[in-house]
PDB file of all heavy atoms in Angstrom:
ATOM      1  N   GLY A   1       0.757  -1.226   0.003  1.00  0.00           N
ATOM      2  CA  GLY A   1      -0.019  -0.031   0.014  1.00  0.00           C
ATOM      3  C   GLY A   1       0.845   1.261  -0.001  1.00  0.00           C
ATOM      4  O   GLY A   1       0.250   2.381  -0.087  1.00  0.00           O
ATOM      5  N   GLY A   2       2.173   1.113   0.122  1.00  0.00           N
ATOM      6  CA  GLY A   2       3.043   2.279  -0.016  1.00  0.00           C
ATOM      7  C   GLY A   2       3.596   2.782   1.309  1.00  0.00           C
ATOM      8  O   GLY A   2       4.401   3.675   1.334  1.00  0.00           O
ATOM      9  N   SER A   3       3.165   2.170   2.401  1.00  0.00           N
ATOM     10  CA  SER A   3       3.820   2.624   3.691  1.00  0.00           C
ATOM     11  C   SER A   3       5.210   2.104   3.801  1.00  0.00           C
ATOM     12  O   SER A   3       5.549   0.976   3.345  1.00  0.00           O
ATOM     13  CB  SER A   3       2.944   2.074   4.877  1.00  0.00           C
ATOM     14  OG  SER A   3       1.636   2.531   4.833  1.00  0.00           O
ATOM     15  N   THR A   4       6.049   2.916   4.422  1.00  0.00           N
ATOM     16  CA  THR A   4       7.457   2.562   4.563  1.00  0.00           C
ATOM     17  C   THR A   4       7.871   2.625   6.027  1.00  0.00           C
ATOM     18  O   THR A   4       7.254   3.308   6.815  1.00  0.00           O
ATOM     19  CB  THR A   4       8.383   3.450   3.762  1.00  0.00           C
ATOM     20  OG1 THR A   4       8.210   4.836   4.161  1.00  0.00           O
ATOM     21  CG2 THR A   4       8.040   3.318   2.286  1.00  0.00           C
ATOM     22  N   ASN A   5       8.868   1.852   6.392  1.00  0.00           N
ATOM     23  CA  ASN A   5       9.476   1.958   7.709  1.00  0.00           C
ATOM     24  C   ASN A   5      10.958   1.645   7.615  1.00  0.00           C
ATOM     25  O   ASN A   5      11.391   0.982   6.715  1.00  0.00           O
ATOM     26  CB  ASN A   5       8.763   1.016   8.690  1.00  0.00           C
ATOM     27  CG  ASN A   5       8.796  -0.439   8.236  1.00  0.00           C
ATOM     28  OD1 ASN A   5       9.806  -1.127   8.453  1.00  0.00           O
ATOM     29  ND2 ASN A   5       7.792  -0.899   7.554  1.00  0.00           N
ATOM     30  N   TYR A   6      11.666   2.150   8.587  1.00  0.00           N
ATOM     31  CA  TYR A   6      13.137   2.089   8.563  1.00  0.00           C
ATOM     32  C   TYR A   6      13.660   1.772   9.951  1.00  0.00           C
ATOM     33  O   TYR A   6      13.084   2.139  10.973  1.00  0.00           O
ATOM     34  CB  TYR A   6      13.692   3.425   8.115  1.00  0.00           C
ATOM     35  CG  TYR A   6      13.254   3.812   6.739  1.00  0.00           C
ATOM     36  CD1 TYR A   6      12.156   4.621   6.531  1.00  0.00           C
ATOM     37  CD2 TYR A   6      14.044   3.449   5.627  1.00  0.00           C
ATOM     38  CE1 TYR A   6      11.756   4.998   5.282  1.00  0.00           C
ATOM     39  CE2 TYR A   6      13.620   3.790   4.340  1.00  0.00           C
ATOM     40  CZ  TYR A   6      12.471   4.551   4.204  1.00  0.00           C
ATOM     41  OH  TYR A   6      12.074   4.911   2.893  1.00  0.00           O
ATOM     42  N   ALA A   7      14.805   1.078   9.963  1.00  0.00           N
ATOM     43  CA  ALA A   7      15.534   0.884  11.200  1.00  0.00           C
ATOM     44  C   ALA A   7      16.033   2.226  11.684  1.00  0.00           C
ATOM     45  O   ALA A   7      16.332   3.093  10.830  1.00  0.00           O
ATOM     46  CB  ALA A   7      16.698  -0.108  10.961  1.00  0.00           C
ATOM     47  N   ASP A   8      16.130   2.343  12.960  1.00  0.00           N
ATOM     48  CA  ASP A   8      16.581   3.672  13.515  1.00  0.00           C
ATOM     49  C   ASP A   8      17.946   4.012  12.942  1.00  0.00           C
ATOM     50  O   ASP A   8      18.249   5.170  12.802  1.00  0.00           O
ATOM     51  CB  ASP A   8      16.608   3.592  15.021  1.00  0.00           C
ATOM     52  CG  ASP A   8      15.232   3.595  15.642  1.00  0.00           C
ATOM     53  OD1 ASP A   8      14.253   3.940  14.946  1.00  0.00           O
ATOM     54  OD2 ASP A   8      15.133   3.219  16.817  1.00  0.00           O
ATOM     55  N   SER A   9      18.766   2.987  12.722  1.00  0.00           N
ATOM     56  CA  SER A   9      20.178   3.322  12.320  1.00  0.00           C
ATOM     57  C   SER A   9      20.251   3.889  10.950  1.00  0.00           C
ATOM     58  O   SER A   9      21.273   4.465  10.567  1.00  0.00           O
ATOM     59  CB  SER A   9      20.991   1.985  12.354  1.00  0.00           C
ATOM     60  OG  SER A   9      20.325   1.020  11.487  1.00  0.00           O
ATOM     61  N   VAL A  10      19.225   3.767  10.091  1.00  0.00           N
ATOM     62  CA  VAL A  10      19.256   4.306   8.766  1.00  0.00           C
ATOM     63  C   VAL A  10      18.198   5.419   8.533  1.00  0.00           C
ATOM     64  O   VAL A  10      18.118   5.968   7.408  1.00  0.00           O
ATOM     65  CB  VAL A  10      19.113   3.188   7.672  1.00  0.00           C
ATOM     66  CG1 VAL A  10      20.155   2.075   7.940  1.00  0.00           C
ATOM     67  CG2 VAL A  10      17.742   2.621   7.658  1.00  0.00           C
ATOM     68  N   LYS A  11      17.359   5.618   9.416  1.00  0.00           N
ATOM     69  CA  LYS A  11      16.201   6.543   9.296  1.00  0.00           C
ATOM     70  C   LYS A  11      16.785   7.945   8.877  1.00  0.00           C
ATOM     71  O   LYS A  11      17.700   8.419   9.482  1.00  0.00           O
ATOM     72  CB  LYS A  11      15.432   6.628  10.563  1.00  0.00           C
ATOM     73  CG  LYS A  11      14.001   7.184  10.384  1.00  0.00           C
ATOM     74  CD  LYS A  11      13.208   6.975  11.677  1.00  0.00           C
ATOM     75  CE  LYS A  11      12.969   5.474  11.924  1.00  0.00           C
ATOM     76  NZ  LYS A  11      12.141   5.327  13.121  1.00  0.00           N
ATOM     77  N   GLY A  12      16.220   8.544   7.865  1.00  0.00           N
ATOM     78  CA  GLY A  12      16.651   9.868   7.414  1.00  0.00           C
ATOM     79  C   GLY A  12      17.727   9.790   6.439  1.00  0.00           C
ATOM     80  O   GLY A  12      18.095  10.836   5.764  1.00  0.00           O
ATOM     81  N   ARG A  13      18.355   8.624   6.206  1.00  0.00           N
ATOM     82  CA  ARG A  13      19.469   8.504   5.258  1.00  0.00           C
ATOM     83  C   ARG A  13      19.151   7.581   4.093  1.00  0.00           C
ATOM     84  O   ARG A  13      19.671   7.744   3.006  1.00  0.00           O
ATOM     85  CB  ARG A  13      20.728   7.994   5.998  1.00  0.00           C
ATOM     86  CG  ARG A  13      21.217   8.853   7.169  1.00  0.00           C
ATOM     87  CD  ARG A  13      22.500   8.361   7.681  1.00  0.00           C
ATOM     88  NE  ARG A  13      22.420   7.016   8.253  1.00  0.00           N
ATOM     89  CZ  ARG A  13      23.150   5.961   7.813  1.00  0.00           C
ATOM     90  NH1 ARG A  13      23.996   6.147   6.831  1.00  0.00           N
ATOM     91  NH2 ARG A  13      23.065   4.781   8.435  1.00  0.00           N
ATOM     92  N   PHE A  14      18.333   6.575   4.359  1.00  0.00           N
ATOM     93  CA  PHE A  14      17.999   5.594   3.308  1.00  0.00           C
ATOM     94  C   PHE A  14      16.487   5.786   2.905  1.00  0.00           C
ATOM     95  O   PHE A  14      15.665   6.168   3.730  1.00  0.00           O
ATOM     96  CB  PHE A  14      18.070   4.154   3.860  1.00  0.00           C
ATOM     97  CG  PHE A  14      19.498   3.697   4.082  1.00  0.00           C
ATOM     98  CD1 PHE A  14      20.566   4.531   4.066  1.00  0.00           C
ATOM     99  CD2 PHE A  14      19.748   2.340   4.361  1.00  0.00           C
ATOM    100  CE1 PHE A  14      21.871   4.103   4.240  1.00  0.00           C
ATOM    101  CE2 PHE A  14      21.038   1.833   4.546  1.00  0.00           C
ATOM    102  CZ  PHE A  14      22.063   2.786   4.520  1.00  0.00           C
ATOM    103  N   THR A  15      16.257   5.532   1.664  1.00  0.00           N
ATOM    104  CA  THR A  15      14.870   5.632   1.082  1.00  0.00           C
ATOM    105  C   THR A  15      14.561   4.457   0.273  1.00  0.00           C
ATOM    106  O   THR A  15      15.264   4.154  -0.738  1.00  0.00           O
ATOM    107  CB  THR A  15      14.696   6.918   0.267  1.00  0.00           C
ATOM    108  OG1 THR A  15      15.051   8.032   1.052  1.00  0.00           O
ATOM    109  CG2 THR A  15      13.250   7.082  -0.186  1.00  0.00           C
ATOM    110  N   ILE A  16      13.508   3.724   0.634  1.00  0.00           N
ATOM    111  CA  ILE A  16      13.075   2.546  -0.122  1.00  0.00           C
ATOM    112  C   ILE A  16      12.009   2.905  -1.066  1.00  0.00           C
ATOM    113  O   ILE A  16      11.149   3.783  -0.823  1.00  0.00           O
ATOM    114  CB  ILE A  16      12.614   1.424   0.861  1.00  0.00           C
ATOM    115  CG1 ILE A  16      12.334   0.101   0.045  1.00  0.00           C
ATOM    116  CG2 ILE A  16      11.380   1.871   1.617  1.00  0.00           C
ATOM    117  CD1 ILE A  16      12.016  -1.037   0.987  1.00  0.00           C
ATOM    118  N   SER A  17      11.994   2.328  -2.258  1.00  0.00           N
ATOM    119  CA  SER A  17      10.920   2.575  -3.220  1.00  0.00           C
ATOM    120  C   SER A  17      10.720   1.237  -3.996  1.00  0.00           C
ATOM    121  O   SER A  17      11.540   0.403  -4.015  1.00  0.00           O
ATOM    122  CB  SER A  17      11.339   3.645  -4.211  1.00  0.00           C
ATOM    123  OG  SER A  17      12.515   3.319  -4.938  1.00  0.00           O
ATOM    124  N   ARG A  18       9.488   1.084  -4.480  1.00  0.00           N
ATOM    125  CA  ARG A  18       9.147  -0.129  -5.152  1.00  0.00           C
ATOM    126  C   ARG A  18       8.297   0.209  -6.411  1.00  0.00           C
ATOM    127  O   ARG A  18       7.552   1.159  -6.373  1.00  0.00           O
ATOM    128  CB  ARG A  18       8.364  -1.047  -4.229  1.00  0.00           C
ATOM    129  CG  ARG A  18       7.146  -0.417  -3.609  1.00  0.00           C
ATOM    130  CD  ARG A  18       6.518  -1.265  -2.515  1.00  0.00           C
ATOM    131  NE  ARG A  18       5.880  -2.459  -3.085  1.00  0.00           N
ATOM    132  CZ  ARG A  18       5.535  -3.520  -2.409  1.00  0.00           C
ATOM    133  NH1 ARG A  18       5.809  -3.556  -1.127  1.00  0.00           N
ATOM    134  NH2 ARG A  18       4.955  -4.522  -2.973  1.00  0.00           N
ATOM    135  N   ASP A  19       8.405  -0.635  -7.403  1.00  0.00           N
ATOM    136  CA  ASP A  19       7.609  -0.487  -8.638  1.00  0.00           C
ATOM    137  C   ASP A  19       6.969  -1.846  -8.983  1.00  0.00           C
ATOM    138  O   ASP A  19       7.587  -2.702  -9.448  1.00  0.00           O
ATOM    139  CB  ASP A  19       8.480  -0.039  -9.794  1.00  0.00           C
ATOM    140  CG  ASP A  19       7.691   0.263 -11.028  1.00  0.00           C
ATOM    141  OD1 ASP A  19       6.583  -0.260 -11.234  1.00  0.00           O
ATOM    142  OD2 ASP A  19       8.134   1.101 -11.831  1.00  0.00           O
ATOM    143  N   GLY A  20       5.691  -2.013  -8.487  1.00  0.00           N
ATOM    144  CA  GLY A  20       5.019  -3.230  -8.656  1.00  0.00           C
ATOM    145  C   GLY A  20       4.872  -3.641 -10.116  1.00  0.00           C
ATOM    146  O   GLY A  20       4.931  -4.837 -10.493  1.00  0.00           O
ATOM    147  N   ALA A  21       4.707  -2.685 -11.014  1.00  0.00           N
ATOM    148  CA  ALA A  21       4.493  -2.962 -12.451  1.00  0.00           C
ATOM    149  C   ALA A  21       5.775  -3.571 -13.062  1.00  0.00           C
ATOM    150  O   ALA A  21       5.662  -4.378 -13.958  1.00  0.00           O
ATOM    151  CB  ALA A  21       4.097  -1.699 -13.184  1.00  0.00           C
ATOM    152  N   LYS A  22       6.877  -3.080 -12.586  1.00  0.00           N
ATOM    153  CA  LYS A  22       8.137  -3.603 -13.121  1.00  0.00           C
ATOM    154  C   LYS A  22       8.839  -4.688 -12.246  1.00  0.00           C
ATOM    155  O   LYS A  22       9.856  -5.200 -12.611  1.00  0.00           O
ATOM    156  CB  LYS A  22       9.133  -2.389 -13.240  1.00  0.00           C
ATOM    157  CG  LYS A  22       8.703  -1.347 -14.269  1.00  0.00           C
ATOM    158  CD  LYS A  22       9.712  -0.267 -14.354  1.00  0.00           C
ATOM    159  CE  LYS A  22       9.354   0.810 -15.381  1.00  0.00           C
ATOM    160  NZ  LYS A  22      10.302   1.880 -15.506  1.00  0.00           N
ATOM    161  N   ASN A  23       8.157  -5.006 -11.138  1.00  0.00           N
ATOM    162  CA  ASN A  23       8.722  -5.975 -10.197  1.00  0.00           C
ATOM    163  C   ASN A  23      10.117  -5.647  -9.770  1.00  0.00           C
ATOM    164  O   ASN A  23      10.997  -6.494  -9.680  1.00  0.00           O
ATOM    165  CB  ASN A  23       8.678  -7.393 -10.842  1.00  0.00           C
ATOM    166  CG  ASN A  23       7.302  -7.872 -11.113  1.00  0.00           C
ATOM    167  OD1 ASN A  23       6.429  -7.768 -10.220  1.00  0.00           O
ATOM    168  ND2 ASN A  23       7.001  -8.356 -12.285  1.00  0.00           N
ATOM    169  N   THR A  24      10.308  -4.415  -9.400  1.00  0.00           N
ATOM    170  CA  THR A  24      11.620  -3.950  -8.970  1.00  0.00           C
ATOM    171  C   THR A  24      11.490  -3.134  -7.707  1.00  0.00           C
ATOM    172  O   THR A  24      10.422  -2.682  -7.329  1.00  0.00           O
ATOM    173  CB  THR A  24      12.304  -3.019 -10.037  1.00  0.00           C
ATOM    174  OG1 THR A  24      11.473  -1.863 -10.281  1.00  0.00           O
ATOM    175  CG2 THR A  24      12.558  -3.804 -11.293  1.00  0.00           C
ATOM    176  N   MET A  25      12.577  -2.968  -7.020  1.00  0.00           N
ATOM    177  CA  MET A  25      12.624  -2.294  -5.758  1.00  0.00           C
ATOM    178  C   MET A  25      13.986  -1.610  -5.672  1.00  0.00           C
ATOM    179  O   MET A  25      15.002  -2.144  -6.208  1.00  0.00           O
ATOM    180  CB  MET A  25      12.476  -3.220  -4.595  1.00  0.00           C
ATOM    181  CG  MET A  25      12.244  -2.531  -3.273  1.00  0.00           C
ATOM    182  SD  MET A  25      11.655  -3.716  -1.961  1.00  0.00           S
ATOM    183  CE  MET A  25      13.046  -4.820  -1.858  1.00  0.00           C
ATOM    184  N   SER A  26      14.059  -0.439  -5.034  1.00  0.00           N
ATOM    185  CA  SER A  26      15.328   0.226  -4.905  1.00  0.00           C
ATOM    186  C   SER A  26      15.596   0.704  -3.489  1.00  0.00           C
ATOM    187  O   SER A  26      14.646   0.752  -2.678  1.00  0.00           O
ATOM    188  CB  SER A  26      15.314   1.491  -5.804  1.00  0.00           C
ATOM    189  OG  SER A  26      15.147   1.128  -7.154  1.00  0.00           O
TER     190      SER A  26
END
């Protein structure tokens, strides 16, 4: 549904994204 969460150690530095149509994630 698009919600994201991060470990405290990477919060604010890492960004996750996903593309369901292409079956990819970054």
